[in-house]
Amino acid sequence: MSNLDESIGKLLLELQKDDPDTFKELMKKAQKENPGLFEEDVDEDNKKIDEDNKKIDKED
C-alpha cells in the first residue's frame, strides 16, 4: 500500500470514529460511484470488524 493509501485509510478511520454520520454518507456516495469496491462478502467481513472495534472501544 502506498503512503497515500495509508494516509487516506487513517483519515477514514478517524472520521468513522469522530463523525460516524458523515462517514456513512461518504461511504454511500463512494459505493454508488464505485459499486465494484463494495462486494457483499467484503461487507460481511467489515461488519464483523466493526463489531470487534466497538468491543475494543468499550474496553478502553
PDB file of N, CA and C in Angstrom:
ATOM      1  N   MET A   1       0.855  -1.172   0.000  1.00  0.00           N
ATOM      2  CA  MET A   1       0.000   0.000   0.000  1.00  0.00           C
ATOM      3  C   MET A   1       0.905   1.241   0.000  1.00  0.00           C
ATOM      4  N   SER A   2       0.504   2.216  -0.750  1.00  0.00           N
ATOM      5  CA  SER A   2       1.297   3.437  -0.815  1.00  0.00           C
ATOM      6  C   SER A   2       1.055   4.310   0.417  1.00  0.00           C
ATOM      7  N   ASN A   3       1.921   5.285   0.592  1.00  0.00           N
ATOM      8  CA  ASN A   3       1.757   6.210   1.714  1.00  0.00           C
ATOM      9  C   ASN A   3       0.434   6.956   1.615  1.00  0.00           C
ATOM     10  N   LEU A   4       0.026   7.307   0.375  1.00  0.00           N
ATOM     11  CA  LEU A   4      -1.247   7.995   0.188  1.00  0.00           C
ATOM     12  C   LEU A   4      -2.409   7.114   0.635  1.00  0.00           C
ATOM     13  N   ASP A   5      -2.373   5.839   0.242  1.00  0.00           N
ATOM     14  CA  ASP A   5      -3.423   4.906   0.658  1.00  0.00           C
ATOM     15  C   ASP A   5      -3.484   4.793   2.175  1.00  0.00           C
ATOM     16  N   GLU A   6      -2.334   4.709   2.808  1.00  0.00           N
ATOM     17  CA  GLU A   6      -2.295   4.601   4.267  1.00  0.00           C
ATOM     18  C   GLU A   6      -2.854   5.865   4.920  1.00  0.00           C
ATOM     19  N   SER A   7      -2.491   7.022   4.373  1.00  0.00           N
ATOM     20  CA  SER A   7      -2.986   8.288   4.921  1.00  0.00           C
ATOM     21  C   SER A   7      -4.493   8.395   4.785  1.00  0.00           C
ATOM     22  N   ILE A   8      -5.008   8.014   3.624  1.00  0.00           N
ATOM     23  CA  ILE A   8      -6.455   8.052   3.399  1.00  0.00           C
ATOM     24  C   ILE A   8      -7.153   7.082   4.342  1.00  0.00           C
ATOM     25  N   GLY A   9      -6.589   5.910   4.510  1.00  0.00           N
ATOM     26  CA  GLY A   9      -7.160   4.929   5.425  1.00  0.00           C
ATOM     27  C   GLY A   9      -7.226   5.448   6.848  1.00  0.00           C
ATOM     28  N   LYS A  10      -6.153   6.092   7.297  1.00  0.00           N
ATOM     29  CA  LYS A  10      -6.136   6.644   8.656  1.00  0.00           C
ATOM     30  C   LYS A  10      -7.180   7.747   8.808  1.00  0.00           C
ATOM     31  N   LEU A  11      -7.298   8.603   7.787  1.00  0.00           N
ATOM     32  CA  LEU A  11      -8.293   9.675   7.836  1.00  0.00           C
ATOM     33  C   LEU A  11      -9.707   9.106   7.903  1.00  0.00           C
ATOM     34  N   LEU A  12      -9.959   8.068   7.109  1.00  0.00           N
ATOM     35  CA  LEU A  12     -11.291   7.454   7.122  1.00  0.00           C
ATOM     36  C   LEU A  12     -11.596   6.820   8.481  1.00  0.00           C
ATOM     37  N   LEU A  13     -10.610   6.172   9.076  1.00  0.00           N
ATOM     38  CA  LEU A  13     -10.830   5.580  10.397  1.00  0.00           C
ATOM     39  C   LEU A  13     -11.127   6.648  11.443  1.00  0.00           C
ATOM     40  N   GLU A  14     -10.413   7.768  11.375  1.00  0.00           N
ATOM     41  CA  GLU A  14     -10.665   8.869  12.306  1.00  0.00           C
ATOM     42  C   GLU A  14     -12.057   9.459  12.083  1.00  0.00           C
ATOM     43  N   LEU A  15     -12.434   9.617  10.817  1.00  0.00           N
ATOM     44  CA  LEU A  15     -13.753  10.154  10.501  1.00  0.00           C
ATOM     45  C   LEU A  15     -14.837   9.216  11.000  1.00  0.00           C
ATOM     46  N   GLN A  16     -14.639   7.915  10.802  1.00  0.00           N
ATOM     47  CA  GLN A  16     -15.627   6.934  11.252  1.00  0.00           C
ATOM     48  C   GLN A  16     -15.811   7.026  12.766  1.00  0.00           C
ATOM     49  N   LYS A  17     -14.731   7.235  13.477  1.00  0.00           N
ATOM     50  CA  LYS A  17     -14.795   7.301  14.936  1.00  0.00           C
ATOM     51  C   LYS A  17     -15.378   8.637  15.408  1.00  0.00           C
ATOM     52  N   ASP A  18     -14.923   9.741  14.796  1.00  0.00           N
ATOM     53  CA  ASP A  18     -15.295  11.075  15.263  1.00  0.00           C
ATOM     54  C   ASP A  18     -16.633  11.570  14.730  1.00  0.00           C
ATOM     55  N   ASP A  19     -16.990  11.166  13.513  1.00  0.00           N
ATOM     56  CA  ASP A  19     -18.221  11.666  12.885  1.00  0.00           C
ATOM     57  C   ASP A  19     -18.850  10.552  12.049  1.00  0.00           C
ATOM     58  N   PRO A  20     -19.460   9.574  12.729  1.00  0.00           N
ATOM     59  CA  PRO A  20     -19.985   8.406  12.018  1.00  0.00           C
ATOM     60  C   PRO A  20     -21.044   8.737  10.965  1.00  0.00           C
ATOM     61  N   ASP A  21     -21.836   9.778  11.178  1.00  0.00           N
ATOM     62  CA  ASP A  21     -22.871  10.118  10.201  1.00  0.00           C
ATOM     63  C   ASP A  21     -22.251  10.585   8.884  1.00  0.00           C
ATOM     64  N   THR A  22     -21.252  11.440   8.973  1.00  0.00           N
ATOM     65  CA  THR A  22     -20.570  11.909   7.772  1.00  0.00           C
ATOM     66  C   THR A  22     -19.857  10.751   7.088  1.00  0.00           C
ATOM     67  N   PHE A  23     -19.264   9.877   7.879  1.00  0.00           N
ATOM     68  CA  PHE A  23     -18.587   8.705   7.321  1.00  0.00           C
ATOM     69  C   PHE A  23     -19.568   7.837   6.533  1.00  0.00           C
ATOM     70  N   LYS A  24     -20.745   7.603   7.099  1.00  0.00           N
ATOM     71  CA  LYS A  24     -21.747   6.784   6.411  1.00  0.00           C
ATOM     72  C   LYS A  24     -22.164   7.415   5.089  1.00  0.00           C
ATOM     73  N   GLU A  25     -22.383   8.724   5.087  1.00  0.00           N
ATOM     74  CA  GLU A  25     -22.764   9.416   3.855  1.00  0.00           C
ATOM     75  C   GLU A  25     -21.650   9.330   2.814  1.00  0.00           C
ATOM     76  N   LEU A  26     -20.427   9.503   3.246  1.00  0.00           N
ATOM     77  CA  LEU A  26     -19.283   9.417   2.342  1.00  0.00           C
ATOM     78  C   LEU A  26     -19.175   8.018   1.742  1.00  0.00           C
ATOM     79  N   MET A  27     -19.380   7.006   2.569  1.00  0.00           N
ATOM     80  CA  MET A  27     -19.287   5.631   2.090  1.00  0.00           C
ATOM     81  C   MET A  27     -20.442   5.291   1.142  1.00  0.00           C
ATOM     82  N   LYS A  28     -21.633   5.822   1.405  1.00  0.00           N
ATOM     83  CA  LYS A  28     -22.761   5.607   0.493  1.00  0.00           C
ATOM     84  C   LYS A  28     -22.449   6.193  -0.880  1.00  0.00           C
ATOM     85  N   LYS A  29     -21.892   7.404  -0.884  1.00  0.00           N
ATOM     86  CA  LYS A  29     -21.535   8.054  -2.145  1.00  0.00           C
ATOM     87  C   LYS A  29     -20.445   7.257  -2.867  1.00  0.00           C
ATOM     88  N   ALA A  30     -19.457   6.794  -2.134  1.00  0.00           N
ATOM     89  CA  ALA A  30     -18.384   6.004  -2.728  1.00  0.00           C
ATOM     90  C   ALA A  30     -18.931   4.700  -3.308  1.00  0.00           C
ATOM     91  N   GLN A  31     -19.865   4.070  -2.599  1.00  0.00           N
ATOM     92  CA  GLN A  31     -20.445   2.820  -3.073  1.00  0.00           C
ATOM     93  C   GLN A  31     -21.259   3.054  -4.342  1.00  0.00           C
ATOM     94  N   LYS A  32     -21.973   4.160  -4.389  1.00  0.00           N
ATOM     95  CA  LYS A  32     -22.787   4.477  -5.560  1.00  0.00           C
ATOM     96  C   LYS A  32     -21.890   4.729  -6.780  1.00  0.00           C
ATOM     97  N   GLU A  33     -20.769   5.414  -6.572  1.00  0.00           N
ATOM     98  CA  GLU A  33     -19.872   5.755  -7.667  1.00  0.00           C
ATOM     99  C   GLU A  33     -18.955   4.597  -8.049  1.00  0.00           C
ATOM    100  N   ASN A  34     -18.680   3.682  -7.124  1.00  0.00           N
ATOM    101  CA  ASN A  34     -17.764   2.561  -7.372  1.00  0.00           C
ATOM    102  C   ASN A  34     -18.314   1.271  -6.769  1.00  0.00           C
ATOM    103  N   PRO A  35     -19.415   0.757  -7.311  1.00  0.00           N
ATOM    104  CA  PRO A  35     -20.047  -0.414  -6.695  1.00  0.00           C
ATOM    105  C   PRO A  35     -19.158  -1.653  -6.654  1.00  0.00           C
ATOM    106  N   GLY A  36     -18.202  -1.768  -7.555  1.00  0.00           N
ATOM    107  CA  GLY A  36     -17.330  -2.930  -7.571  1.00  0.00           C
ATOM    108  C   GLY A  36     -16.421  -3.026  -6.359  1.00  0.00           C
ATOM    109  N   LEU A  37     -16.223  -1.912  -5.680  1.00  0.00           N
ATOM    110  CA  LEU A  37     -15.367  -1.920  -4.498  1.00  0.00           C
ATOM    111  C   LEU A  37     -16.086  -2.461  -3.276  1.00  0.00           C
ATOM    112  N   PHE A  38     -17.399  -2.590  -3.376  1.00  0.00           N
ATOM    113  CA  PHE A  38     -18.206  -2.975  -2.216  1.00  0.00           C
ATOM    114  C   PHE A  38     -18.977  -4.259  -2.518  1.00  0.00           C
ATOM    115  N   GLU A  39     -18.269  -5.367  -2.452  1.00  0.00           N
ATOM    116  CA  GLU A  39     -18.910  -6.655  -2.687  1.00  0.00           C
ATOM    117  C   GLU A  39     -19.494  -7.166  -1.375  1.00  0.00           C
ATOM    118  N   GLU A  40     -20.511  -8.009  -1.474  1.00  0.00           N
ATOM    119  CA  GLU A  40     -21.223  -8.453  -0.277  1.00  0.00           C
ATOM    120  C   GLU A  40     -20.346  -9.176   0.722  1.00  0.00           C
ATOM    121  N   ASP A  41     -19.458 -10.041   0.265  1.00  0.00           N
ATOM    122  CA  ASP A  41     -18.627 -10.770   1.220  1.00  0.00           C
ATOM    123  C   ASP A  41     -17.692  -9.823   1.968  1.00  0.00           C
ATOM    124  N   VAL A  42     -17.261  -8.761   1.314  1.00  0.00           N
ATOM    125  CA  VAL A  42     -16.436  -7.755   1.977  1.00  0.00           C
ATOM    126  C   VAL A  42     -17.271  -7.029   3.026  1.00  0.00           C
ATOM    127  N   ASP A  43     -18.538  -6.755   2.706  1.00  0.00           N
ATOM    128  CA  ASP A  43     -19.430  -6.099   3.656  1.00  0.00           C
ATOM    129  C   ASP A  43     -19.578  -6.926   4.938  1.00  0.00           C
ATOM    130  N   GLU A  44     -19.729  -8.221   4.799  1.00  0.00           N
ATOM    131  CA  GLU A  44     -19.877  -9.087   5.970  1.00  0.00           C
ATOM    132  C   GLU A  44     -18.609  -9.064   6.808  1.00  0.00           C
ATOM    133  N   ASP A  45     -17.456  -9.086   6.160  1.00  0.00           N
ATOM    134  CA  ASP A  45     -16.198  -9.012   6.889  1.00  0.00           C
ATOM    135  C   ASP A  45     -16.092  -7.688   7.637  1.00  0.00           C
ATOM    136  N   ASN A  46     -16.487  -6.609   6.982  1.00  0.00           N
ATOM    137  CA  ASN A  46     -16.414  -5.289   7.611  1.00  0.00           C
ATOM    138  C   ASN A  46     -17.362  -5.181   8.796  1.00  0.00           C
ATOM    139  N   LYS A  47     -18.531  -5.811   8.711  1.00  0.00           N
ATOM    140  CA  LYS A  47     -19.464  -5.788   9.835  1.00  0.00           C
ATOM    141  C   LYS A  47     -18.839  -6.461  11.051  1.00  0.00           C
ATOM    142  N   LYS A  48     -18.168  -7.583  10.815  1.00  0.00           N
ATOM    143  CA  LYS A  48     -17.510  -8.285  11.922  1.00  0.00           C
ATOM    144  C   LYS A  48     -16.392  -7.425  12.496  1.00  0.00           C
ATOM    145  N   ILE A  49     -15.622  -6.782  11.637  1.00  0.00           N
ATOM    146  CA  ILE A  49     -14.546  -5.910  12.098  1.00  0.00           C
ATOM    147  C   ILE A  49     -15.116  -4.753  12.902  1.00  0.00           C
ATOM    148  N   ASP A  50     -16.210  -4.157  12.417  1.00  0.00           N
ATOM    149  CA  ASP A  50     -16.859  -3.062  13.142  1.00  0.00           C
ATOM    150  C   ASP A  50     -17.300  -3.503  14.530  1.00  0.00           C
ATOM    151  N   GLU A  51     -17.897  -4.701  14.611  1.00  0.00           N
ATOM    152  CA  GLU A  51     -18.338  -5.217  15.905  1.00  0.00           C
ATOM    153  C   GLU A  51     -17.150  -5.401  16.846  1.00  0.00           C
ATOM    154  N   ASP A  52     -16.064  -5.954  16.305  1.00  0.00           N
ATOM    155  CA  ASP A  52     -14.856  -6.153  17.117  1.00  0.00           C
ATOM    156  C   ASP A  52     -14.297  -4.813  17.590  1.00  0.00           C
ATOM    157  N   ASN A  53     -14.297  -3.817  16.697  1.00  0.00           N
ATOM    158  CA  ASN A  53     -13.782  -2.493  17.058  1.00  0.00           C
ATOM    159  C   ASN A  53     -14.634  -1.855  18.153  1.00  0.00           C
ATOM    160  N   LYS A  54     -15.945  -2.031  18.080  1.00  0.00           N
ATOM    161  CA  LYS A  54     -16.824  -1.468  19.114  1.00  0.00           C
ATOM    162  C   LYS A  54     -16.534  -2.113  20.468  1.00  0.00           C
ATOM    163  N   LYS A  55     -16.283  -3.430  20.466  1.00  0.00           N
ATOM    164  CA  LYS A  55     -15.950  -4.117  21.707  1.00  0.00           C
ATOM    165  C   LYS A  55     -14.655  -3.561  22.294  1.00  0.00           C
ATOM    166  N   ILE A  56     -13.671  -3.355  21.425  1.00  0.00           N
ATOM    167  CA  ILE A  56     -12.387  -2.828  21.880  1.00  0.00           C
ATOM    168  C   ILE A  56     -12.557  -1.411  22.425  1.00  0.00           C
ATOM    169  N   ASP A  57     -13.347  -0.579  21.721  1.00  0.00           N
ATOM    170  CA  ASP A  57     -13.579   0.797  22.176  1.00  0.00           C
ATOM    171  C   ASP A  57     -14.228   0.816  23.545  1.00  0.00           C
ATOM    172  N   LYS A  58     -15.150  -0.106  23.803  1.00  0.00           N
ATOM    173  CA  LYS A  58     -15.819  -0.159  25.105  1.00  0.00           C
ATOM    174  C   LYS A  58     -14.858  -0.544  26.212  1.00  0.00           C
ATOM    175  N   GLU A  59     -13.856  -1.364  25.876  1.00  0.00           N
ATOM    176  CA  GLU A  59     -12.872  -1.786  26.865  1.00  0.00           C
ATOM    177  C   GLU A  59     -11.945  -0.650  27.258  1.00  0.00           C
ATOM    178  N   ASP A  60     -11.726   0.302  26.342  1.00  0.00           N
ATOM    179  CA  ASP A  60     -10.817   1.422  26.615  1.00  0.00           C
ATOM    180  C   ASP A  60     -11.498   2.367  27.518  1.00  0.00           C
TER     181      ASP A  60
END
